[in-house]
């Protein structure tokens, strides 16, 4: 059995699986900012960029008595953060389509490429006893 090619293949496989895992956690936000009212009505994930260059991510935004709250859901608890209206530079809505494409399509393409590569390689490698 030829061990060197197998070790090289394992490194490639490990790298590709790491890439797949990386893309599973990607979230894409729309480039066009929305208003606080639109964010509140959308009931979707948002990213709030502040003037002091913070990037806050919330599962949704609620406006109660003219106060803005960002809500994160952790396990079964809601973590509520008040956001100062004067500190908001822009609010961006999650782009569900692009997030799905990054989370599903790219790993499928990478996996397909891996399969093609390994089928091609396995036909060229001979095992001798």
C-alpha atoms as a PDB file:
ATOM      1  CA  UNK A   1       0.000   0.000   0.000  1.00  0.00           C
ATOM      2  CA  UNK A   2       1.283   3.430  -0.878  1.00  0.00           C
ATOM      3  CA  UNK A   3       1.124   5.556   2.311  1.00  0.00           C
ATOM      4  CA  UNK A   4       2.408   8.914   1.077  1.00  0.00           C
ATOM      5  CA  UNK A   5      -0.554   9.686  -1.233  1.00  0.00           C
ATOM      6  CA  UNK A   6      -2.986   8.681   1.525  1.00  0.00           C
ATOM      7  CA  UNK A   7      -1.418  11.171   3.958  1.00  0.00           C
ATOM      8  CA  UNK A   8      -1.586  13.905   1.331  1.00  0.00           C
ATOM      9  CA  UNK A   9      -5.255  13.090   0.689  1.00  0.00           C
ATOM     10  CA  UNK A  10      -6.011  13.256   4.405  1.00  0.00           C
ATOM     11  CA  UNK A  11      -4.554  16.771   4.611  1.00  0.00           C
ATOM     12  CA  UNK A  12      -6.720  17.876   1.694  1.00  0.00           C
ATOM     13  CA  UNK A  13      -9.802  16.251   3.230  1.00  0.00           C
ATOM     14  CA  UNK A  14      -9.138  17.934   6.601  1.00  0.00           C
ATOM     15  CA  UNK A  15      -8.743  21.323   4.911  1.00  0.00           C
ATOM     16  CA  UNK A  16     -11.947  20.917   2.908  1.00  0.00           C
ATOM     17  CA  UNK A  17     -13.960  19.835   5.952  1.00  0.00           C
ATOM     18  CA  UNK A  18     -12.646  22.837   7.876  1.00  0.00           C
ATOM     19  CA  UNK A  19     -13.779  25.045   4.988  1.00  0.00           C
ATOM     20  CA  UNK A  20     -17.217  23.416   5.026  1.00  0.00           C
ATOM     21  CA  UNK A  21     -17.585  24.078   8.747  1.00  0.00           C
ATOM     22  CA  UNK A  22     -16.504  27.688   8.276  1.00  0.00           C
ATOM     23  CA  UNK A  23     -19.201  28.346   5.659  1.00  0.00           C
ATOM     24  CA  UNK A  24     -21.923  26.753   7.807  1.00  0.00           C
ATOM     25  CA  UNK A  25     -21.823  29.710  10.201  1.00  0.00           C
ATOM     26  CA  UNK A  26     -21.935  32.487   7.620  1.00  0.00           C
ATOM     27  CA  UNK A  27     -24.622  35.142   7.767  1.00  0.00           C
ATOM     28  CA  UNK A  28     -24.931  37.729   5.016  1.00  0.00           C
ATOM     29  CA  UNK A  29     -26.618  41.074   5.623  1.00  0.00           C
ATOM     30  CA  UNK A  30     -28.233  43.275   2.984  1.00  0.00           C
ATOM     31  CA  UNK A  31     -26.058  46.196   1.955  1.00  0.00           C
ATOM     32  CA  UNK A  32     -28.957  48.686   1.946  1.00  0.00           C
ATOM     33  CA  UNK A  33     -29.684  49.964   5.472  1.00  0.00           C
ATOM     34  CA  UNK A  34     -33.259  49.934   6.788  1.00  0.00           C
ATOM     35  CA  UNK A  35     -35.121  52.130   9.276  1.00  0.00           C
ATOM     36  CA  UNK A  36     -35.766  51.224  12.889  1.00  0.00           C
ATOM     37  CA  UNK A  37     -39.468  50.789  12.086  1.00  0.00           C
ATOM     38  CA  UNK A  38     -38.706  48.416   9.187  1.00  0.00           C
ATOM     39  CA  UNK A  39     -36.345  46.393  11.400  1.00  0.00           C
ATOM     40  CA  UNK A  40     -38.995  46.148  14.107  1.00  0.00           C
ATOM     41  CA  UNK A  41     -41.702  45.057  11.642  1.00  0.00           C
ATOM     42  CA  UNK A  42     -39.470  42.515   9.878  1.00  0.00           C
ATOM     43  CA  UNK A  43     -39.025  40.384  13.023  1.00  0.00           C
ATOM     44  CA  UNK A  44     -35.781  39.080  11.422  1.00  0.00           C
ATOM     45  CA  UNK A  45     -32.084  38.993  12.284  1.00  0.00           C
ATOM     46  CA  UNK A  46     -30.417  42.381  12.060  1.00  0.00           C
ATOM     47  CA  UNK A  47     -26.967  43.880  12.441  1.00  0.00           C
ATOM     48  CA  UNK A  48     -26.739  47.305  14.069  1.00  0.00           C
ATOM     49  CA  UNK A  49     -23.629  49.338  13.269  1.00  0.00           C
ATOM     50  CA  UNK A  50     -22.952  52.100  15.777  1.00  0.00           C
ATOM     51  CA  UNK A  51     -21.051  55.350  15.383  1.00  0.00           C
ATOM     52  CA  UNK A  52     -18.355  54.033  17.741  1.00  0.00           C
ATOM     53  CA  UNK A  53     -17.739  51.195  15.203  1.00  0.00           C
ATOM     54  CA  UNK A  54     -19.473  48.397  17.123  1.00  0.00           C
ATOM     55  CA  UNK A  55     -21.329  45.721  15.190  1.00  0.00           C
ATOM     56  CA  UNK A  56     -24.245  44.376  17.243  1.00  0.00           C
ATOM     57  CA  UNK A  57     -26.192  41.344  16.023  1.00  0.00           C
ATOM     58  CA  UNK A  58     -29.717  40.612  17.199  1.00  0.00           C
ATOM     59  CA  UNK A  59     -32.396  38.055  16.401  1.00  0.00           C
ATOM     60  CA  UNK A  60     -34.891  40.915  16.242  1.00  0.00           C
ATOM     61  CA  UNK A  61     -35.449  44.534  17.242  1.00  0.00           C
ATOM     62  CA  UNK A  62     -38.419  45.837  19.202  1.00  0.00           C
ATOM     63  CA  UNK A  63     -39.516  49.409  19.872  1.00  0.00           C
ATOM     64  CA  UNK A  64     -41.371  49.903  23.170  1.00  0.00           C
ATOM     65  CA  UNK A  65     -42.347  53.389  24.398  1.00  0.00           C
ATOM     66  CA  UNK A  66     -39.935  54.981  21.895  1.00  0.00           C
ATOM     67  CA  UNK A  67     -37.041  52.920  23.272  1.00  0.00           C
ATOM     68  CA  UNK A  68     -35.169  50.528  21.002  1.00  0.00           C
ATOM     69  CA  UNK A  69     -34.288  47.047  22.216  1.00  0.00           C
ATOM     70  CA  UNK A  70     -32.164  44.417  20.511  1.00  0.00           C
ATOM     71  CA  UNK A  71     -33.156  40.872  21.401  1.00  0.00           C
ATOM     72  CA  UNK A  72     -30.870  37.845  21.204  1.00  0.00           C
ATOM     73  CA  UNK A  73     -32.264  34.395  21.882  1.00  0.00           C
ATOM     74  CA  UNK A  74     -29.805  32.110  23.690  1.00  0.00           C
ATOM     75  CA  UNK A  75     -31.075  28.590  24.300  1.00  0.00           C
ATOM     76  CA  UNK A  76     -34.509  29.475  25.685  1.00  0.00           C
ATOM     77  CA  UNK A  77     -33.618  32.833  27.226  1.00  0.00           C
ATOM     78  CA  UNK A  78     -33.987  36.272  25.697  1.00  0.00           C
ATOM     79  CA  UNK A  79     -31.069  38.647  26.184  1.00  0.00           C
ATOM     80  CA  UNK A  80     -32.438  42.190  25.844  1.00  0.00           C
ATOM     81  CA  UNK A  81     -30.126  45.135  25.135  1.00  0.00           C
ATOM     82  CA  UNK A  82     -31.275  48.736  24.974  1.00  0.00           C
ATOM     83  CA  UNK A  83     -29.861  50.598  21.974  1.00  0.00           C
ATOM     84  CA  UNK A  84     -29.431  54.359  21.998  1.00  0.00           C
ATOM     85  CA  UNK A  85     -31.115  55.812  18.908  1.00  0.00           C
ATOM     86  CA  UNK A  86     -28.469  58.553  18.582  1.00  0.00           C
ATOM     87  CA  UNK A  87     -25.687  55.946  18.458  1.00  0.00           C
ATOM     88  CA  UNK A  88     -27.125  53.947  15.509  1.00  0.00           C
ATOM     89  CA  UNK A  89     -25.246  54.507  12.268  1.00  0.00           C
ATOM     90  CA  UNK A  90     -27.178  51.916  10.248  1.00  0.00           C
ATOM     91  CA  UNK A  91     -29.308  48.791  10.588  1.00  0.00           C
ATOM     92  CA  UNK A  92     -28.941  45.932   8.127  1.00  0.00           C
ATOM     93  CA  UNK A  93     -31.404  43.074   7.641  1.00  0.00           C
ATOM     94  CA  UNK A  94     -30.225  39.483   7.225  1.00  0.00           C
ATOM     95  CA  UNK A  95     -30.153  38.431   3.570  1.00  0.00           C
ATOM     96  CA  UNK A  96     -31.811  35.018   3.861  1.00  0.00           C
ATOM     97  CA  UNK A  97     -31.185  34.073   0.231  1.00  0.00           C
ATOM     98  CA  UNK A  98     -27.441  34.762   0.236  1.00  0.00           C
ATOM     99  CA  UNK A  99     -27.020  33.214   3.694  1.00  0.00           C
ATOM    100  CA  UNK A 100     -28.684  30.032   2.434  1.00  0.00           C
ATOM    101  CA  UNK A 101     -26.531  30.006  -0.700  1.00  0.00           C
ATOM    102  CA  UNK A 102     -23.344  30.356   1.367  1.00  0.00           C
ATOM    103  CA  UNK A 103     -24.447  27.764   3.909  1.00  0.00           C
ATOM    104  CA  UNK A 104     -25.705  25.166   1.415  1.00  0.00           C
ATOM    105  CA  UNK A 105     -24.532  25.722  -2.152  1.00  0.00           C
ATOM    106  CA  UNK A 106     -20.849  26.381  -1.491  1.00  0.00           C
ATOM    107  CA  UNK A 107     -20.407  23.268   0.710  1.00  0.00           C
ATOM    108  CA  UNK A 108     -22.219  21.208  -1.948  1.00  0.00           C
ATOM    109  CA  UNK A 109     -19.876  22.533  -4.653  1.00  0.00           C
ATOM    110  CA  UNK A 110     -16.814  21.874  -2.469  1.00  0.00           C
ATOM    111  CA  UNK A 111     -18.018  18.346  -1.662  1.00  0.00           C
ATOM    112  CA  UNK A 112     -18.696  17.689  -5.351  1.00  0.00           C
ATOM    113  CA  UNK A 113     -15.225  18.932  -6.217  1.00  0.00           C
ATOM    114  CA  UNK A 114     -13.758  16.637  -3.566  1.00  0.00           C
ATOM    115  CA  UNK A 115     -15.610  13.653  -4.979  1.00  0.00           C
ATOM    116  CA  UNK A 116     -14.473  14.375  -8.526  1.00  0.00           C
ATOM    117  CA  UNK A 117     -10.882  14.879  -7.353  1.00  0.00           C
ATOM    118  CA  UNK A 118     -10.769  11.664  -5.324  1.00  0.00           C
ATOM    119  CA  UNK A 119     -12.481   9.542  -7.967  1.00  0.00           C
ATOM    120  CA  UNK A 120      -9.933  10.815 -10.491  1.00  0.00           C
ATOM    121  CA  UNK A 121      -7.028  10.275  -8.073  1.00  0.00           C
ATOM    122  CA  UNK A 122      -8.159   6.816  -6.992  1.00  0.00           C
ATOM    123  CA  UNK A 123      -8.271   5.633 -10.603  1.00  0.00           C
ATOM    124  CA  UNK A 124      -4.627   6.713 -11.038  1.00  0.00           C
ATOM    125  CA  UNK A 125      -3.233   5.201  -7.800  1.00  0.00           C
ATOM    126  CA  UNK A 126      -2.340   1.547  -7.918  1.00  0.00           C
ATOM    127  CA  UNK A 127      -2.044  -0.618  -4.860  1.00  0.00           C
ATOM    128  CA  UNK A 128       0.728  -3.170  -4.979  1.00  0.00           C
ATOM    129  CA  UNK A 129       1.364  -6.012  -2.578  1.00  0.00           C
END
